[in-house]
Amino acid sequence: MAAREHRTVLREEAAALLAPAPGRRVLDGTVGGGGHAETLLERGAEVIGLDRDEAALAAARARLSRFGEKFTAVHANFRDARRTLDALGEGAMDGALVDLGVSSFQLDDEARGFSFSRPGPLDMRMDRSAGEPLSAWLDRVEETELERVLRVFGEERFARPIARAIVRARQAGALPDTAALAKVVTEAIPAAHRGGPIHPATRTFQALRIAVNDELGALEGWLADLPDLVRPGGRAAAIAFHSLEDRPVKRRFAELTKGCICPRALPVCGCGKTAGWRLLTRKAWVPSVAEVARNPRARSARLRCIERL
């Protein structure tokens, strides 16, 4: 089945914060289908786009081919952004962006195994050239670790019975595809709690995807490297879709923008620490009502941005 058209979330807002202009160079760490990169390029910036998903990179190359050498596409995980820039002979950038989570291209292609709505392989890898698919991960994971993943990464209140049910189904050879997995998860949740606005397997599938792709580890790596990625006067922005992503972004941005760390009781600063960055979004920017109406998947997006001084 063909994937639905991917709609770039907070496209204009991200561009406004990153301030693209002729002569400015921006690193798009999760270029995906190229929506954000397209806006940045249209406003004169040069863009280096990374993505771990080769299919997404191919779509971005095709979409942005009219910009010629102003756009460079690289197959890489954004956690390796600094290493990738080094390989390209690039220094610090004027802007750095990550749009976290999973794209419509991935969700709507049943062959990728991200969706519970249609049968697909137990894969879930964003980079199908590396790592192990979900099927292999489930074959080796212990029930206690699976429960932890569901509870922490999916914030799933029924993590224990779901983990138990998945392990039993795996041992019985009853997990041939994503549809079977979704059925096992749904039946493990008490019937009284299966209703609501989201599918009962949503949190479990989110947790498994995060674990298979080490998404939070990649985010922590990118956040740690920000001082090496962005030059003075440059900006860094992140779009998160749930609290597990937004919390580390908020925490790291606060750390970078914090000045004096002396106890409040001291009359004069003794640490000499000054803020090296400035917060541009006092509160996270969220999609407009109109954008959510056009694209319901945008409803949980949160955009934060900082500027290096």
C-alpha atoms as a PDB file:
ATOM      1  CA  MET A   1       0.000   0.000   0.000  1.00  0.00           C
ATOM      2  CA  ALA A   2       1.309   3.448  -0.852  1.00  0.00           C
ATOM      3  CA  ALA A   3       2.095   5.710   2.073  1.00  0.00           C
ATOM      4  CA  ARG A   4       0.000   8.809   2.473  1.00  0.00           C
ATOM      5  CA  GLU A   5       1.596  12.149   1.753  1.00  0.00           C
ATOM      6  CA  HIS A   6       3.797  13.191   4.641  1.00  0.00           C
ATOM      7  CA  ARG A   7       2.894  16.559   6.103  1.00  0.00           C
ATOM      8  CA  THR A   8       5.772  18.404   7.696  1.00  0.00           C
ATOM      9  CA  VAL A   9       4.957  19.490  11.252  1.00  0.00           C
ATOM     10  CA  LEU A  10       5.597  23.078  12.427  1.00  0.00           C
ATOM     11  CA  ARG A  11       7.269  23.816   9.128  1.00  0.00           C
ATOM     12  CA  GLU A  12       6.971  27.613   9.137  1.00  0.00           C
ATOM     13  CA  GLU A  13       7.635  27.882  12.861  1.00  0.00           C
ATOM     14  CA  ALA A  14      10.859  25.877  12.676  1.00  0.00           C
ATOM     15  CA  ALA A  15      12.068  27.947   9.739  1.00  0.00           C
ATOM     16  CA  ALA A  16      11.298  31.201  11.545  1.00  0.00           C
ATOM     17  CA  LEU A  17      13.346  30.136  14.558  1.00  0.00           C
ATOM     18  CA  LEU A  18      16.313  28.840  12.549  1.00  0.00           C
ATOM     19  CA  ALA A  19      16.393  32.095  10.524  1.00  0.00           C
ATOM     20  CA  PRO A  20      17.595  30.677   7.191  1.00  0.00           C
ATOM     21  CA  ALA A  21      19.227  33.141   4.789  1.00  0.00           C
ATOM     22  CA  PRO A  22      21.778  33.168   1.965  1.00  0.00           C
ATOM     23  CA  GLY A  23      25.169  32.166   3.326  1.00  0.00           C
ATOM     24  CA  ARG A  24      23.776  30.295   6.324  1.00  0.00           C
ATOM     25  CA  ARG A  25      24.313  26.540   6.565  1.00  0.00           C
ATOM     26  CA  VAL A  26      21.865  24.298   8.399  1.00  0.00           C
ATOM     27  CA  LEU A  27      22.126  20.670   9.477  1.00  0.00           C
ATOM     28  CA  ASP A  28      18.803  18.819   9.269  1.00  0.00           C
ATOM     29  CA  GLY A  29      19.516  15.718  11.327  1.00  0.00           C
ATOM     30  CA  THR A  30      16.260  13.955  10.412  1.00  0.00           C
ATOM     31  CA  VAL A  31      15.561  15.185   6.904  1.00  0.00           C
ATOM     32  CA  GLY A  32      12.842  12.616   6.208  1.00  0.00           C
ATOM     33  CA  GLY A  33      10.871  13.555   3.114  1.00  0.00           C
ATOM     34  CA  GLY A  34      12.558  16.965   3.007  1.00  0.00           C
ATOM     35  CA  GLY A  35       9.785  19.289   4.162  1.00  0.00           C
ATOM     36  CA  HIS A  36      11.770  21.360   6.637  1.00  0.00           C
ATOM     37  CA  ALA A  37      14.846  21.309   4.400  1.00  0.00           C
ATOM     38  CA  GLU A  38      12.772  22.572   1.475  1.00  0.00           C
ATOM     39  CA  THR A  39      11.627  25.644   3.404  1.00  0.00           C
ATOM     40  CA  LEU A  40      15.164  26.372   4.598  1.00  0.00           C
ATOM     41  CA  LEU A  41      16.507  26.059   1.057  1.00  0.00           C
ATOM     42  CA  GLU A  42      13.749  28.229  -0.402  1.00  0.00           C
ATOM     43  CA  ARG A  43      14.847  30.981   1.971  1.00  0.00           C
ATOM     44  CA  GLY A  44      18.425  30.847   0.810  1.00  0.00           C
ATOM     45  CA  ALA A  45      20.174  28.537   3.264  1.00  0.00           C
ATOM     46  CA  GLU A  46      22.354  25.587   2.317  1.00  0.00           C
ATOM     47  CA  VAL A  47      21.281  22.323   3.968  1.00  0.00           C
ATOM     48  CA  ILE A  48      23.033  19.099   4.900  1.00  0.00           C
ATOM     49  CA  GLY A  49      20.327  16.510   5.474  1.00  0.00           C
ATOM     50  CA  LEU A  50      20.917  13.333   7.443  1.00  0.00           C
ATOM     51  CA  ASP A  51      18.599  10.384   7.829  1.00  0.00           C
ATOM     52  CA  ARG A  52      19.066   6.811   8.941  1.00  0.00           C
ATOM     53  CA  ASP A  53      16.220   5.739   6.609  1.00  0.00           C
ATOM     54  CA  GLU A  54      17.529   5.287   3.066  1.00  0.00           C
ATOM     55  CA  ALA A  55      14.003   5.356   1.607  1.00  0.00           C
ATOM     56  CA  ALA A  56      13.401   8.742   3.218  1.00  0.00           C
ATOM     57  CA  LEU A  57      16.720  10.024   1.872  1.00  0.00           C
ATOM     58  CA  ALA A  58      15.766   8.944  -1.642  1.00  0.00           C
ATOM     59  CA  ALA A  59      12.501  10.877  -1.326  1.00  0.00           C
ATOM     60  CA  ALA A  60      14.365  13.941  -0.054  1.00  0.00           C
ATOM     61  CA  ARG A  61      16.895  13.801  -2.884  1.00  0.00           C
ATOM     62  CA  ALA A  62      14.119  13.666  -5.466  1.00  0.00           C
ATOM     63  CA  ARG A  63      12.117  16.449  -3.847  1.00  0.00           C
ATOM     64  CA  LEU A  64      15.090  18.765  -3.412  1.00  0.00           C
ATOM     65  CA  SER A  65      17.013  18.035  -6.585  1.00  0.00           C
ATOM     66  CA  ARG A  66      16.150  21.494  -7.971  1.00  0.00           C
ATOM     67  CA  PHE A  67      18.409  23.072  -5.355  1.00  0.00           C
ATOM     68  CA  GLY A  68      21.478  21.374  -6.774  1.00  0.00           C
ATOM     69  CA  GLU A  69      24.611  21.554  -4.638  1.00  0.00           C
ATOM     70  CA  LYS A  70      22.867  23.636  -1.991  1.00  0.00           C
ATOM     71  CA  PHE A  71      21.442  20.381  -0.618  1.00  0.00           C
ATOM     72  CA  THR A  72      23.602  17.469   0.520  1.00  0.00           C
ATOM     73  CA  ALA A  73      21.966  14.195   1.591  1.00  0.00           C
ATOM     74  CA  VAL A  74      23.852  11.727   3.804  1.00  0.00           C
ATOM     75  CA  HIS A  75      22.803   8.318   5.097  1.00  0.00           C
ATOM     76  CA  ALA A  76      23.592   8.704   8.809  1.00  0.00           C
ATOM     77  CA  ASN A  77      22.038   8.678  12.256  1.00  0.00           C
ATOM     78  CA  PHE A  78      21.748  12.175  13.715  1.00  0.00           C
ATOM     79  CA  ARG A  79      23.541  10.928  16.826  1.00  0.00           C
ATOM     80  CA  ASP A  80      26.633  10.792  14.579  1.00  0.00           C
ATOM     81  CA  ALA A  81      26.178  14.332  13.267  1.00  0.00           C
ATOM     82  CA  ARG A  82      29.563  15.617  14.389  1.00  0.00           C
ATOM     83  CA  ARG A  83      31.381  12.620  12.922  1.00  0.00           C
ATOM     84  CA  THR A  84      29.445  13.051   9.669  1.00  0.00           C
ATOM     85  CA  LEU A  85      30.315  16.742   9.431  1.00  0.00           C
ATOM     86  CA  ASP A  86      33.961  15.904  10.047  1.00  0.00           C
ATOM     87  CA  ALA A  87      33.872  13.396   7.193  1.00  0.00           C
ATOM     88  CA  LEU A  88      32.429  16.098   4.932  1.00  0.00           C
ATOM     89  CA  GLY A  89      35.107  18.570   6.007  1.00  0.00           C
ATOM     90  CA  GLU A  90      32.495  20.791   7.642  1.00  0.00           C
ATOM     91  CA  GLY A  91      32.878  22.895  10.768  1.00  0.00           C
ATOM     92  CA  ALA A  92      30.134  24.120  13.077  1.00  0.00           C
ATOM     93  CA  MET A  93      26.837  25.054  11.439  1.00  0.00           C
ATOM     94  CA  ASP A  94      24.552  28.096  11.578  1.00  0.00           C
ATOM     95  CA  GLY A  95      21.633  25.879  12.513  1.00  0.00           C
ATOM     96  CA  ALA A  96      20.822  22.346  13.614  1.00  0.00           C
ATOM     97  CA  LEU A  97      17.371  20.728  13.572  1.00  0.00           C
ATOM     98  CA  VAL A  98      15.913  17.365  14.548  1.00  0.00           C
ATOM     99  CA  ASP A  99      12.300  16.327  13.963  1.00  0.00           C
ATOM    100  CA  LEU A 100      11.947  13.326  16.259  1.00  0.00           C
ATOM    101  CA  GLY A 101       9.705  10.311  16.093  1.00  0.00           C
ATOM    102  CA  VAL A 102       8.358   8.345  13.153  1.00  0.00           C
ATOM    103  CA  SER A 103       7.150   9.714   9.806  1.00  0.00           C
ATOM    104  CA  SER A 104       3.984   9.041   7.861  1.00  0.00           C
ATOM    105  CA  PHE A 105       6.145   7.333   5.225  1.00  0.00           C
ATOM    106  CA  GLN A 106       7.162   4.766   7.819  1.00  0.00           C
ATOM    107  CA  LEU A 107       3.834   4.458   9.613  1.00  0.00           C
ATOM    108  CA  ASP A 108       1.780   3.954   6.470  1.00  0.00           C
ATOM    109  CA  ASP A 109       4.062   1.420   4.788  1.00  0.00           C
ATOM    110  CA  GLU A 110       3.061  -1.928   6.257  1.00  0.00           C
ATOM    111  CA  ALA A 111       6.293  -3.473   4.978  1.00  0.00           C
ATOM    112  CA  ARG A 112       8.201  -1.452   7.576  1.00  0.00           C
ATOM    113  CA  GLY A 113       6.356  -2.991  10.521  1.00  0.00           C
ATOM    114  CA  PHE A 114       5.579   0.223  12.409  1.00  0.00           C
ATOM    115  CA  SER A 115       1.790   0.030  12.140  1.00  0.00           C
ATOM    116  CA  PHE A 116      -0.668  -2.117  14.056  1.00  0.00           C
ATOM    117  CA  SER A 117      -3.528  -1.423  11.624  1.00  0.00           C
ATOM    118  CA  ARG A 118      -2.286  -3.760   8.842  1.00  0.00           C
ATOM    119  CA  PRO A 119      -0.221  -6.982   8.875  1.00  0.00           C
ATOM    120  CA  GLY A 120       3.493  -6.366   8.384  1.00  0.00           C
ATOM    121  CA  PRO A 121       6.821  -7.907   9.366  1.00  0.00           C
ATOM    122  CA  LEU A 122       8.096  -7.501  12.892  1.00  0.00           C
ATOM    123  CA  ASP A 123      10.840  -5.097  11.873  1.00  0.00           C
ATOM    124  CA  MET A 124      10.449  -1.433  13.011  1.00  0.00           C
ATOM    125  CA  ARG A 125      14.018  -0.498  12.093  1.00  0.00           C
ATOM    126  CA  MET A 126      14.376   3.038  10.798  1.00  0.00           C
ATOM    127  CA  ASP A 127      17.645   1.946   9.192  1.00  0.00           C
ATOM    128  CA  ARG A 128      17.029  -1.406   7.548  1.00  0.00           C
ATOM    129  CA  SER A 129      20.729  -1.778   6.759  1.00  0.00           C
ATOM    130  CA  ALA A 130      21.749  -1.982  10.417  1.00  0.00           C
ATOM    131  CA  GLY A 131      20.660  -3.298  13.777  1.00  0.00           C
ATOM    132  CA  GLU A 132      18.254  -6.109  14.540  1.00  0.00           C
ATOM    133  CA  PRO A 133      14.563  -6.223  13.590  1.00  0.00           C
ATOM    134  CA  LEU A 134      11.865  -6.386  16.246  1.00  0.00           C
ATOM    135  CA  SER A 135      11.456 -10.135  15.680  1.00  0.00           C
ATOM    136  CA  ALA A 136      15.077 -10.791  16.700  1.00  0.00           C
ATOM    137  CA  TRP A 137      14.826  -8.390  19.621  1.00  0.00           C
ATOM    138  CA  LEU A 138      11.693 -10.138  20.923  1.00  0.00           C
ATOM    139  CA  ASP A 139      13.390 -13.527  20.568  1.00  0.00           C
ATOM    140  CA  ARG A 140      16.116 -12.579  23.035  1.00  0.00           C
ATOM    141  CA  VAL A 141      14.494 -10.106  25.446  1.00  0.00           C
ATOM    142  CA  GLU A 142      13.622 -11.283  28.952  1.00  0.00           C
ATOM    143  CA  GLU A 143      10.091 -10.726  30.216  1.00  0.00           C
ATOM    144  CA  THR A 144      11.267  -8.377  32.977  1.00  0.00           C
ATOM    145  CA  GLU A 145      13.183  -6.225  30.472  1.00  0.00           C
ATOM    146  CA  LEU A 146      10.233  -6.192  28.089  1.00  0.00           C
ATOM    147  CA  GLU A 147       8.002  -5.037  30.930  1.00  0.00           C
ATOM    148  CA  ARG A 148      10.457  -2.249  31.743  1.00  0.00           C
ATOM    149  CA  VAL A 149      10.585  -1.099  28.118  1.00  0.00           C
ATOM    150  CA  LEU A 150       6.786  -0.982  27.907  1.00  0.00           C
ATOM    151  CA  ARG A 151       6.482   0.871  31.193  1.00  0.00           C
ATOM    152  CA  VAL A 152       9.277   3.404  30.579  1.00  0.00           C
ATOM    153  CA  PHE A 153       9.188   3.966  26.819  1.00  0.00           C
ATOM    154  CA  GLY A 154       5.453   3.467  26.350  1.00  0.00           C
ATOM    155  CA  GLU A 155       4.243   4.713  29.724  1.00  0.00           C
ATOM    156  CA  GLU A 156       1.962   1.679  29.571  1.00  0.00           C
ATOM    157  CA  ARG A 157       0.080   1.003  32.810  1.00  0.00           C
ATOM    158  CA  PHE A 158      -0.562  -2.638  31.809  1.00  0.00           C
ATOM    159  CA  ALA A 159       3.083  -3.346  31.003  1.00  0.00           C
ATOM    160  CA  ARG A 160       3.273  -6.522  33.102  1.00  0.00           C
ATOM    161  CA  PRO A 161       0.339  -8.470  31.598  1.00  0.00           C
ATOM    162  CA  ILE A 162       1.254  -7.269  28.094  1.00  0.00           C
ATOM    163  CA  ALA A 163       4.876  -8.409  28.491  1.00  0.00           C
ATOM    164  CA  ARG A 164       3.728 -11.775  29.812  1.00  0.00           C
ATOM    165  CA  ALA A 165       1.308 -12.225  26.912  1.00  0.00           C
ATOM    166  CA  ILE A 166       3.914 -11.282  24.292  1.00  0.00           C
ATOM    167  CA  VAL A 167       6.478 -13.715  25.712  1.00  0.00           C
ATOM    168  CA  ARG A 168       3.937 -16.544  25.765  1.00  0.00           C
ATOM    169  CA  ALA A 169       2.857 -15.816  22.198  1.00  0.00           C
ATOM    170  CA  ARG A 170       6.479 -15.691  21.077  1.00  0.00           C
ATOM    171  CA  GLN A 171       7.250 -19.033  22.732  1.00  0.00           C
ATOM    172  CA  ALA A 172       4.182 -20.550  21.050  1.00  0.00           C
ATOM    173  CA  GLY A 173       5.220 -19.215  17.636  1.00  0.00           C
ATOM    174  CA  ALA A 174       2.069 -17.107  17.506  1.00  0.00           C
ATOM    175  CA  LEU A 175       3.654 -13.766  16.499  1.00  0.00           C
ATOM    176  CA  PRO A 176       3.909 -13.950  12.702  1.00  0.00           C
ATOM    177  CA  ASP A 177       3.318 -10.250  12.052  1.00  0.00           C
ATOM    178  CA  THR A 178       2.332  -6.854  13.474  1.00  0.00           C
ATOM    179  CA  ALA A 179      -1.396  -7.617  13.313  1.00  0.00           C
ATOM    180  CA  ALA A 180      -0.898 -10.682  15.517  1.00  0.00           C
ATOM    181  CA  LEU A 181       1.220  -8.640  17.932  1.00  0.00           C
ATOM    182  CA  ALA A 182      -1.461  -5.943  18.148  1.00  0.00           C
ATOM    183  CA  LYS A 183      -4.085  -8.595  18.862  1.00  0.00           C
ATOM    184  CA  VAL A 184      -1.993 -10.119  21.656  1.00  0.00           C
ATOM    185  CA  VAL A 185      -1.470  -6.691  23.227  1.00  0.00           C
ATOM    186  CA  THR A 186      -5.140  -5.753  22.990  1.00  0.00           C
ATOM    187  CA  GLU A 187      -6.305  -8.987  24.574  1.00  0.00           C
ATOM    188  CA  ALA A 188      -3.817  -8.562  27.454  1.00  0.00           C
ATOM    189  CA  ILE A 189      -5.434  -5.257  28.445  1.00  0.00           C
ATOM    190  CA  PRO A 190      -8.587  -5.519  30.584  1.00  0.00           C
ATOM    191  CA  ALA A 191     -11.664  -5.092  28.395  1.00  0.00           C
ATOM    192  CA  ALA A 192     -12.835  -2.079  30.406  1.00  0.00           C
ATOM    193  CA  HIS A 193      -9.654  -0.214  29.410  1.00  0.00           C
ATOM    194  CA  ARG A 194      -9.592  -0.982  25.689  1.00  0.00           C
ATOM    195  CA  GLY A 195     -11.702   1.975  24.655  1.00  0.00           C
ATOM    196  CA  GLY A 196     -10.611   5.556  24.263  1.00  0.00           C
ATOM    197  CA  PRO A 197      -9.251   7.744  21.498  1.00  0.00           C
ATOM    198  CA  ILE A 198      -6.161   5.627  20.723  1.00  0.00           C
ATOM    199  CA  HIS A 199      -5.727   1.978  19.761  1.00  0.00           C
ATOM    200  CA  PRO A 200      -4.883  -0.262  22.764  1.00  0.00           C
ATOM    201  CA  ALA A 201      -1.565  -1.247  21.145  1.00  0.00           C
ATOM    202  CA  THR A 202      -0.383   2.331  20.523  1.00  0.00           C
ATOM    203  CA  ARG A 203       1.823   2.653  23.603  1.00  0.00           C
ATOM    204  CA  THR A 204       3.321  -0.805  23.190  1.00  0.00           C
ATOM    205  CA  PHE A 205       4.236  -0.189  19.555  1.00  0.00           C
ATOM    206  CA  GLN A 206       5.774   3.167  20.503  1.00  0.00           C
ATOM    207  CA  ALA A 207       7.859   1.535  23.227  1.00  0.00           C
ATOM    208  CA  LEU A 208       9.082  -1.270  20.987  1.00  0.00           C
ATOM    209  CA  ARG A 209      10.006   1.169  18.202  1.00  0.00           C
ATOM    210  CA  ILE A 210      11.982   3.353  20.611  1.00  0.00           C
ATOM    211  CA  ALA A 211      13.834   0.316  21.963  1.00  0.00           C
ATOM    212  CA  VAL A 212      14.657  -1.211  18.566  1.00  0.00           C
ATOM    213  CA  ASN A 213      16.026   2.097  17.242  1.00  0.00           C
ATOM    214  CA  ASP A 214      17.573   3.369  20.496  1.00  0.00           C
ATOM    215  CA  GLU A 215      15.811   6.659  19.786  1.00  0.00           C
ATOM    216  CA  LEU A 216      16.428   8.217  23.182  1.00  0.00           C
ATOM    217  CA  GLY A 217      20.106   7.291  23.067  1.00  0.00           C
ATOM    218  CA  ALA A 218      20.399   8.988  19.687  1.00  0.00           C
ATOM    219  CA  LEU A 219      18.712  12.104  21.058  1.00  0.00           C
ATOM    220  CA  GLU A 220      21.023  12.246  24.074  1.00  0.00           C
ATOM    221  CA  GLY A 221      24.030  11.964  21.762  1.00  0.00           C
ATOM    222  CA  TRP A 222      22.828  14.853  19.569  1.00  0.00           C
ATOM    223  CA  LEU A 223      22.074  17.039  22.586  1.00  0.00           C
ATOM    224  CA  ALA A 224      25.500  16.352  24.105  1.00  0.00           C
ATOM    225  CA  ASP A 225      27.217  17.367  20.858  1.00  0.00           C
ATOM    226  CA  LEU A 226      25.374  20.661  20.348  1.00  0.00           C
ATOM    227  CA  PRO A 227      28.347  22.845  21.376  1.00  0.00           C
ATOM    228  CA  ASP A 228      30.374  21.143  18.631  1.00  0.00           C
ATOM    229  CA  LEU A 229      27.589  21.346  16.034  1.00  0.00           C
ATOM    230  CA  VAL A 230      26.503  24.998  16.274  1.00  0.00           C
ATOM    231  CA  ARG A 231      28.761  28.021  15.950  1.00  0.00           C
ATOM    232  CA  PRO A 232      28.266  31.297  17.920  1.00  0.00           C
ATOM    233  CA  GLY A 233      25.237  33.057  16.489  1.00  0.00           C
ATOM    234  CA  GLY A 234      23.796  29.739  15.334  1.00  0.00           C
ATOM    235  CA  ARG A 235      20.620  28.067  16.527  1.00  0.00           C
ATOM    236  CA  ALA A 236      19.499  24.566  17.501  1.00  0.00           C
ATOM    237  CA  ALA A 237      15.881  23.379  17.371  1.00  0.00           C
ATOM    238  CA  ALA A 238      14.119  20.130  18.220  1.00  0.00           C
ATOM    239  CA  ILE A 239      10.572  18.942  17.541  1.00  0.00           C
ATOM    240  CA  ALA A 240       9.416  16.292  20.021  1.00  0.00           C
ATOM    241  CA  PHE A 241       6.204  14.281  19.992  1.00  0.00           C
ATOM    242  CA  HIS A 242       5.993  12.905  23.519  1.00  0.00           C
ATOM    243  CA  SER A 243       7.360  13.654  26.955  1.00  0.00           C
ATOM    244  CA  LEU A 244      10.163  11.077  26.710  1.00  0.00           C
ATOM    245  CA  GLU A 245      11.664  13.174  23.907  1.00  0.00           C
ATOM    246  CA  ASP A 246      10.651  16.615  25.132  1.00  0.00           C
ATOM    247  CA  ARG A 247      12.017  16.227  28.676  1.00  0.00           C
ATOM    248  CA  PRO A 248      15.676  15.666  27.712  1.00  0.00           C
ATOM    249  CA  VAL A 249      15.459  18.486  25.149  1.00  0.00           C
ATOM    250  CA  LYS A 250      14.041  20.873  27.749  1.00  0.00           C
ATOM    251  CA  ARG A 251      16.599  19.763  30.355  1.00  0.00           C
ATOM    252  CA  ARG A 252      19.594  20.134  28.021  1.00  0.00           C
ATOM    253  CA  PHE A 253      18.456  23.495  26.685  1.00  0.00           C
ATOM    254  CA  ALA A 254      18.025  24.752  30.262  1.00  0.00           C
ATOM    255  CA  GLU A 255      21.508  23.497  31.144  1.00  0.00           C
ATOM    256  CA  LEU A 256      23.088  25.267  28.168  1.00  0.00           C
ATOM    257  CA  THR A 257      21.307  28.547  28.865  1.00  0.00           C
ATOM    258  CA  LYS A 258      22.063  28.607  32.591  1.00  0.00           C
ATOM    259  CA  GLY A 259      24.587  31.149  33.868  1.00  0.00           C
ATOM    260  CA  CYS A 260      25.808  31.498  37.453  1.00  0.00           C
ATOM    261  CA  ILE A 261      25.432  28.335  39.569  1.00  0.00           C
ATOM    262  CA  CYS A 262      26.487  29.853  42.891  1.00  0.00           C
ATOM    263  CA  PRO A 263      24.199  29.423  45.920  1.00  0.00           C
ATOM    264  CA  ARG A 264      21.656  32.222  46.144  1.00  0.00           C
ATOM    265  CA  ALA A 265      23.003  33.184  49.546  1.00  0.00           C
ATOM    266  CA  LEU A 266      26.289  34.392  48.028  1.00  0.00           C
ATOM    267  CA  PRO A 267      26.209  38.179  47.547  1.00  0.00           C
ATOM    268  CA  VAL A 268      28.642  38.026  44.612  1.00  0.00           C
ATOM    269  CA  CYS A 269      29.131  35.379  41.941  1.00  0.00           C
ATOM    270  CA  GLY A 270      32.135  33.205  42.651  1.00  0.00           C
ATOM    271  CA  CYS A 271      31.775  30.562  39.955  1.00  0.00           C
ATOM    272  CA  GLY A 272      32.291  32.877  36.988  1.00  0.00           C
ATOM    273  CA  LYS A 273      29.983  30.770  34.847  1.00  0.00           C
ATOM    274  CA  THR A 274      28.125  32.627  32.100  1.00  0.00           C
ATOM    275  CA  ALA A 275      25.365  31.389  29.846  1.00  0.00           C
ATOM    276  CA  GLY A 276      26.692  30.343  26.469  1.00  0.00           C
ATOM    277  CA  TRP A 277      23.256  30.061  24.888  1.00  0.00           C
ATOM    278  CA  ARG A 278      19.973  31.993  24.859  1.00  0.00           C
ATOM    279  CA  LEU A 279      16.541  30.373  25.011  1.00  0.00           C
ATOM    280  CA  LEU A 280      14.356  31.476  22.109  1.00  0.00           C
ATOM    281  CA  THR A 281      11.251  29.552  23.153  1.00  0.00           C
ATOM    282  CA  ARG A 282      10.316  30.296  26.743  1.00  0.00           C
ATOM    283  CA  LYS A 283       7.569  27.716  26.339  1.00  0.00           C
ATOM    284  CA  ALA A 284       7.469  25.057  23.654  1.00  0.00           C
ATOM    285  CA  TRP A 285       5.760  26.146  20.449  1.00  0.00           C
ATOM    286  CA  VAL A 286       2.850  23.944  19.416  1.00  0.00           C
ATOM    287  CA  PRO A 287       0.917  23.512  16.162  1.00  0.00           C
ATOM    288  CA  SER A 288      -1.977  25.849  15.455  1.00  0.00           C
ATOM    289  CA  VAL A 289      -5.563  24.633  15.602  1.00  0.00           C
ATOM    290  CA  ALA A 290      -5.642  24.871  11.807  1.00  0.00           C
ATOM    291  CA  GLU A 291      -2.546  22.688  11.421  1.00  0.00           C
ATOM    292  CA  VAL A 292      -3.921  20.009  13.746  1.00  0.00           C
ATOM    293  CA  ALA A 293      -7.180  20.033  11.786  1.00  0.00           C
ATOM    294  CA  ARG A 294      -5.216  19.429   8.574  1.00  0.00           C
ATOM    295  CA  ASN A 295      -2.863  16.903  10.157  1.00  0.00           C
ATOM    296  CA  PRO A 296      -4.053  15.218  13.378  1.00  0.00           C
ATOM    297  CA  ARG A 297      -0.631  13.560  13.793  1.00  0.00           C
ATOM    298  CA  ALA A 298       0.766  17.016  14.571  1.00  0.00           C
ATOM    299  CA  ARG A 299      -1.309  17.434  17.725  1.00  0.00           C
ATOM    300  CA  SER A 300       1.407  16.345  20.182  1.00  0.00           C
ATOM    301  CA  ALA A 301       4.344  18.171  18.559  1.00  0.00           C
ATOM    302  CA  ARG A 302       6.477  20.491  20.702  1.00  0.00           C
ATOM    303  CA  LEU A 303       9.149  22.801  19.232  1.00  0.00           C
ATOM    304  CA  ARG A 304      11.999  24.277  21.288  1.00  0.00           C
ATOM    305  CA  CYS A 305      14.946  26.388  20.133  1.00  0.00           C
ATOM    306  CA  ILE A 306      18.101  27.957  21.563  1.00  0.00           C
ATOM    307  CA  GLU A 307      20.728  30.322  20.145  1.00  0.00           C
ATOM    308  CA  ARG A 308      24.444  30.128  20.829  1.00  0.00           C
ATOM    309  CA  LEU A 309      25.916  33.427  22.053  1.00  0.00           C
END
